[in-house]
Amino acid sequence: MPGDRRHPSPSHRLEQPRHRLRGRRKFDEAIAVSEHAVRLFTETADAFRTGQALGELAVTLAESGASPADVRATLLRAADAYEQAGAADEAAGARAEADKST
């Protein structure tokens, strides 16, 4: 039936992997940018912003489907950076999020 959308056309099925690949590339780019930010803030000894960048990296990793262990390790690194910056509340928040990700 011409208007029937229950069965996608073969061309539609062929496009789906490209969409997934583009989505994967976007996550890879976001992860690379976050890792770059972590390096920059670490090099400039800005512990608070390092913690923020690590927190953002953890969110991106989680959304990209990374393992919970990788997300947890990144959140714990964020907590350590926050502690180094003297930001106890942020450190506690990062640790609480790390405990949820197991």
Protein backbone atom coordinates (compact mmCIF):
# COMPACT_ATOMS: atom_id res chain seq x y z
CA MET A 1 0.00 0.00 0.00
CA PRO A 2 1.59 3.35 -1.03
CA GLY A 3 0.89 5.30 2.20
CA ASP A 4 1.68 2.43 4.56
CA ARG A 5 4.57 3.41 6.86
CA ARG A 6 4.65 0.22 8.89
CA HIS A 7 7.31 -1.24 6.63
CA PRO A 8 10.11 1.20 5.82
CA SER A 9 11.53 1.16 2.33
CA PRO A 10 14.84 -0.63 1.75
CA SER A 11 16.54 2.76 1.21
CA HIS A 12 15.37 3.83 4.68
CA ARG A 13 17.04 0.79 6.23
CA LEU A 14 20.27 1.56 4.39
CA GLU A 15 20.34 5.09 5.82
CA GLN A 16 20.06 4.00 9.44
CA PRO A 17 23.70 2.87 9.88
CA ARG A 18 24.88 6.24 8.54
CA HIS A 19 22.77 8.00 11.15
CA ARG A 20 24.26 5.80 13.85
CA LEU A 21 27.75 6.44 12.52
CA ARG A 22 27.16 10.18 12.52
CA GLY A 23 25.83 9.95 16.06
CA ARG A 24 28.90 7.95 17.10
CA ARG A 25 31.16 10.54 15.50
CA LYS A 26 29.42 13.31 17.43
CA PHE A 27 30.02 11.48 20.70
CA ASP A 28 33.63 10.83 19.75
CA GLU A 29 34.09 14.54 18.98
CA ALA A 30 32.44 15.55 22.27
CA ILE A 31 34.63 13.13 24.21
CA ALA A 32 37.76 14.47 22.49
CA VAL A 33 36.79 18.08 23.29
CA SER A 34 36.09 17.18 26.93
CA GLU A 35 39.40 15.34 27.25
CA HIS A 36 41.17 18.36 25.76
CA ALA A 37 39.49 20.64 28.31
CA VAL A 38 40.59 18.34 31.14
CA ARG A 39 44.20 18.50 29.88
CA LEU A 40 44.14 22.29 29.56
CA PHE A 41 42.71 22.88 33.01
CA THR A 42 45.10 20.34 34.52
CA GLU A 43 48.08 22.02 32.84
CA THR A 44 46.99 25.42 34.15
CA ALA A 45 46.51 23.96 37.65
CA ASP A 46 42.85 25.01 37.74
CA ALA A 47 41.55 22.18 39.89
CA PHE A 48 37.97 23.45 40.07
CA ARG A 49 37.59 23.72 36.30
CA THR A 50 39.34 20.37 35.92
CA GLY A 51 36.60 18.90 38.11
CA GLN A 52 33.93 20.57 35.99
CA ALA A 53 35.49 19.28 32.76
CA LEU A 54 35.74 15.78 34.20
CA GLY A 55 32.09 15.94 35.24
CA GLU A 56 31.10 16.94 31.71
CA LEU A 57 33.27 14.16 30.31
CA ALA A 58 31.52 11.66 32.59
CA VAL A 59 28.10 12.78 31.33
CA THR A 60 29.25 12.49 27.71
CA LEU A 61 30.73 9.06 28.36
CA ALA A 62 27.50 7.87 29.98
CA GLU A 63 25.38 9.19 27.11
CA SER A 64 27.69 7.57 24.55
CA GLY A 65 27.23 4.16 26.13
CA ALA A 66 30.61 3.87 27.84
CA SER A 67 30.96 1.31 30.58
CA PRO A 68 29.70 2.28 34.02
CA ALA A 69 33.21 1.60 35.34
CA ASP A 70 34.67 4.26 33.01
CA VAL A 71 31.98 6.75 33.98
CA ARG A 72 32.55 6.04 37.68
CA ALA A 73 36.33 6.41 37.37
CA THR A 74 35.89 9.77 35.62
CA LEU A 75 33.49 10.99 38.31
CA LEU A 76 35.94 9.95 41.02
CA ARG A 77 38.67 11.91 39.24
CA ALA A 78 36.30 14.89 39.21
CA ALA A 79 35.73 14.48 42.95
CA ASP A 80 39.48 14.40 43.57
CA ALA A 81 39.96 17.57 41.51
CA TYR A 82 37.17 19.32 43.40
CA GLU A 83 38.73 18.29 46.71
CA GLN A 84 42.05 19.70 45.55
CA ALA A 85 40.24 22.96 44.76
CA GLY A 86 38.66 23.02 48.22
CA ALA A 87 35.16 22.54 46.81
CA ALA A 88 33.79 20.02 49.29
CA ASP A 89 30.15 20.21 48.12
CA GLU A 90 31.09 19.59 44.49
CA ALA A 91 33.39 16.74 45.52
CA ALA A 92 30.60 15.13 47.52
CA GLY A 93 28.21 15.52 44.58
CA ALA A 94 30.65 13.90 42.17
CA ARG A 95 31.19 11.01 44.59
CA ALA A 96 27.45 10.55 45.01
CA GLU A 97 27.05 10.42 41.20
CA ALA A 98 29.92 7.92 41.01
CA ASP A 99 28.16 5.69 43.53
CA LYS A 100 24.99 5.78 41.37
CA SER A 101 26.90 4.75 38.25
CA THR A 102 27.92 1.32 39.55
